[in-house]
Amino acid sequence: MQIKLIAVGKTDHKSIVDLIDEYTKRVNFYIKFELEIIPDLKNSKSLSELIQKEKEGELILKKILPSDELILLDEHGKQYSSIDFSNFMQKKMNAGLKQLIFVIGGPYGFSEAVYQRSNGKISLSKMTFSHQMVRPFFIEQVYRAYTILRNEPYHHE
């Protein structure tokens, strides 16, 4: 299985980019992991929320193959402890998936078409984080999941 994280909009803070790079490197020790950025829409200020979500949704859906499992990072998704998330990841690996895709949407969330295509939703917290901060948080949790599955000393219960 390989994992892809798709995110809408670039990360423009160097310290966040450095964290993303560090944890991406760590995750790739365990499993093939890729972060793919969908560029910000041009002239988005002139677009309504709905149109912006639909345009971003089209760009997201172009990246998804029919065989991919698609999980949205969404404030209304299921919340997991780190151990529960590691069990979730183990089940996905056991299912024989070729590619598991997680998506961080734009500022207004996802279009209805993306929700319809998705296979599930995960929430990292009841708190709201910037779309840029969610990236390193999520990648770190993927790394943590694999250290838990390998009984490595990174996670303390």
Protein backbone atom coordinates (compact mmCIF):
# COMPACT_ATOMS: atom_id res chain seq x y z
CA MET A 1 0.00 0.00 0.00
CA GLN A 2 1.07 3.55 -0.57
CA ILE A 3 -0.31 6.65 1.11
CA LYS A 4 -0.91 10.00 -0.50
CA LEU A 5 -1.91 13.21 1.23
CA ILE A 6 -3.51 15.73 -1.10
CA ALA A 7 -3.77 19.30 0.16
CA VAL A 8 -5.27 22.38 -1.42
CA GLY A 9 -2.99 25.43 -1.38
CA LYS A 10 0.72 25.83 -0.88
CA THR A 11 2.48 25.95 2.47
CA ASP A 12 4.29 29.26 2.70
CA HIS A 13 5.85 29.09 6.17
CA LYS A 14 9.37 27.68 6.02
CA SER A 15 9.19 26.18 9.51
CA ILE A 16 6.01 24.28 8.58
CA VAL A 17 7.61 23.10 5.32
CA ASP A 18 10.61 21.86 7.34
CA LEU A 19 8.33 19.87 9.67
CA ILE A 20 6.44 18.41 6.72
CA ASP A 21 9.72 17.39 5.09
CA GLU A 22 11.04 15.84 8.31
CA TYR A 23 7.97 13.71 8.99
CA THR A 24 7.54 12.80 5.32
CA LYS A 25 11.08 11.43 5.40
CA ARG A 26 10.31 9.50 8.60
CA VAL A 27 7.07 8.01 7.22
CA ASN A 28 8.84 6.92 4.03
CA PHE A 29 11.05 4.69 6.17
CA TYR A 30 7.94 2.53 6.78
CA ILE A 31 5.72 2.99 3.74
CA LYS A 32 5.66 4.92 0.47
CA PHE A 33 4.18 8.32 1.31
CA GLU A 34 3.65 11.33 -0.91
CA LEU A 35 2.30 14.83 -0.33
CA GLU A 36 0.67 16.36 -3.40
CA ILE A 37 -0.30 20.02 -3.41
CA ILE A 38 -3.16 21.35 -5.51
CA PRO A 39 -2.37 25.01 -6.23
CA ASP A 40 -4.64 27.74 -4.89
CA LEU A 41 -7.32 28.79 -7.34
CA LYS A 42 -6.64 31.98 -9.23
CA ASN A 43 -8.95 34.91 -8.45
CA SER A 44 -10.62 32.94 -5.65
CA LYS A 45 -11.72 36.19 -3.96
CA SER A 46 -14.19 36.70 -6.80
CA LEU A 47 -15.66 33.20 -6.42
CA SER A 48 -18.49 32.23 -4.10
CA GLU A 49 -17.81 29.58 -1.45
CA LEU A 50 -19.80 27.04 -3.43
CA ILE A 51 -18.01 27.70 -6.73
CA GLN A 52 -14.61 27.62 -4.99
CA LYS A 53 -15.45 24.25 -3.37
CA GLU A 54 -16.68 22.86 -6.69
CA LYS A 55 -13.57 23.98 -8.60
CA GLU A 56 -11.26 22.60 -5.90
CA GLY A 57 -13.35 19.41 -5.86
CA GLU A 58 -12.83 18.91 -9.59
CA LEU A 59 -9.07 19.26 -9.12
CA ILE A 60 -9.11 16.79 -6.20
CA LEU A 61 -11.19 14.21 -8.06
CA LYS A 62 -8.80 14.32 -11.05
CA LYS A 63 -6.11 12.93 -8.72
CA ILE A 64 -8.20 9.93 -7.56
CA LEU A 65 -8.25 6.56 -9.31
CA PRO A 66 -11.32 4.28 -9.08
CA SER A 67 -9.31 1.78 -7.01
CA ASP A 68 -8.14 4.40 -4.47
CA GLU A 69 -9.64 4.61 -1.01
CA LEU A 70 -10.38 8.25 -0.23
CA ILE A 71 -10.50 9.58 3.33
CA LEU A 72 -11.29 13.24 3.96
CA LEU A 73 -9.79 15.20 6.83
CA ASP A 74 -12.99 16.90 7.91
CA GLU A 75 -14.12 18.56 11.13
CA HIS A 76 -17.19 16.29 11.18
CA GLY A 77 -15.21 13.09 10.75
CA LYS A 78 -14.48 10.32 13.21
CA GLN A 79 -11.91 11.08 15.88
CA TYR A 80 -9.27 8.52 16.79
CA SER A 81 -6.70 8.18 19.52
CA SER A 82 -3.22 7.59 18.12
CA ILE A 83 -3.48 3.89 18.95
CA ASP A 84 -6.91 3.63 17.32
CA PHE A 85 -5.55 5.41 14.24
CA SER A 86 -2.67 2.93 14.05
CA ASN A 87 -5.23 0.10 14.14
CA PHE A 88 -7.18 1.87 11.37
CA MET A 89 -4.01 2.02 9.27
CA GLN A 90 -3.27 -1.66 9.93
CA LYS A 91 -6.77 -2.60 8.73
CA LYS A 92 -6.25 -0.59 5.55
CA MET A 93 -2.95 -2.38 4.89
CA ASN A 94 -4.56 -5.76 5.60
CA ALA A 95 -7.33 -4.94 3.12
CA GLY A 96 -4.80 -5.01 0.31
CA LEU A 97 -5.39 -1.45 -0.88
CA LYS A 98 -3.02 -0.23 -3.53
CA GLN A 99 -3.36 3.42 -2.53
CA LEU A 100 -4.92 5.17 0.45
CA ILE A 101 -5.52 8.87 -0.14
CA PHE A 102 -6.20 11.45 2.55
CA VAL A 103 -7.32 14.95 1.54
CA ILE A 104 -7.11 18.31 3.26
CA GLY A 105 -9.58 20.60 1.50
CA GLY A 106 -9.56 24.31 0.92
CA PRO A 107 -10.77 26.98 3.35
CA TYR A 108 -14.44 26.12 2.83
CA GLY A 109 -14.13 22.34 2.92
CA PHE A 110 -15.19 19.93 0.21
CA SER A 111 -17.65 19.92 -2.65
CA GLU A 112 -20.60 17.55 -2.58
CA ALA A 113 -18.94 15.51 -5.36
CA VAL A 114 -15.87 14.92 -3.18
CA TYR A 115 -18.06 13.89 -0.23
CA GLN A 116 -19.92 11.48 -2.52
CA ARG A 117 -16.66 9.89 -3.73
CA SER A 118 -15.10 9.60 -0.28
CA ASN A 119 -14.90 6.38 1.69
CA GLY A 120 -14.81 8.10 5.08
CA LYS A 121 -13.95 11.17 7.12
CA ILE A 122 -11.45 11.68 9.92
CA SER A 123 -11.25 14.64 12.28
CA LEU A 124 -7.93 15.39 13.98
CA SER A 125 -9.59 17.43 16.74
CA LYS A 126 -12.67 19.36 17.72
CA MET A 127 -10.44 22.42 17.50
CA THR A 128 -9.95 24.27 14.25
CA PHE A 129 -6.44 24.39 12.80
CA SER A 130 -5.14 26.30 9.81
CA HIS A 131 -4.93 24.22 6.66
CA GLN A 132 -1.16 24.65 6.76
CA MET A 133 -0.82 23.39 10.35
CA VAL A 134 -2.96 20.32 9.71
CA ARG A 135 -0.36 19.01 7.27
CA PRO A 136 2.51 18.39 9.70
CA PHE A 137 0.06 17.29 12.43
CA PHE A 138 -1.42 14.64 10.16
CA ILE A 139 1.89 13.42 8.73
CA GLU A 140 3.27 13.12 12.27
CA GLN A 141 0.26 10.98 13.22
CA VAL A 142 0.90 8.69 10.25
CA TYR A 143 4.50 8.36 11.43
CA ARG A 144 3.31 7.73 14.99
CA ALA A 145 0.90 5.05 13.75
CA TYR A 146 3.71 3.11 12.13
CA THR A 147 5.95 3.37 15.19
CA ILE A 148 3.05 2.05 17.30
CA LEU A 149 2.50 -0.85 14.89
CA ARG A 150 6.20 -1.71 15.17
CA ASN A 151 6.28 -1.35 18.97
CA GLU A 152 8.94 1.32 18.69
CA PRO A 153 9.53 3.70 21.62
CA TYR A 154 8.26 6.90 19.94
CA HIS A 155 4.74 6.72 21.41
CA HIS A 156 4.21 6.61 25.18
CA GLU A 157 0.89 5.40 26.55
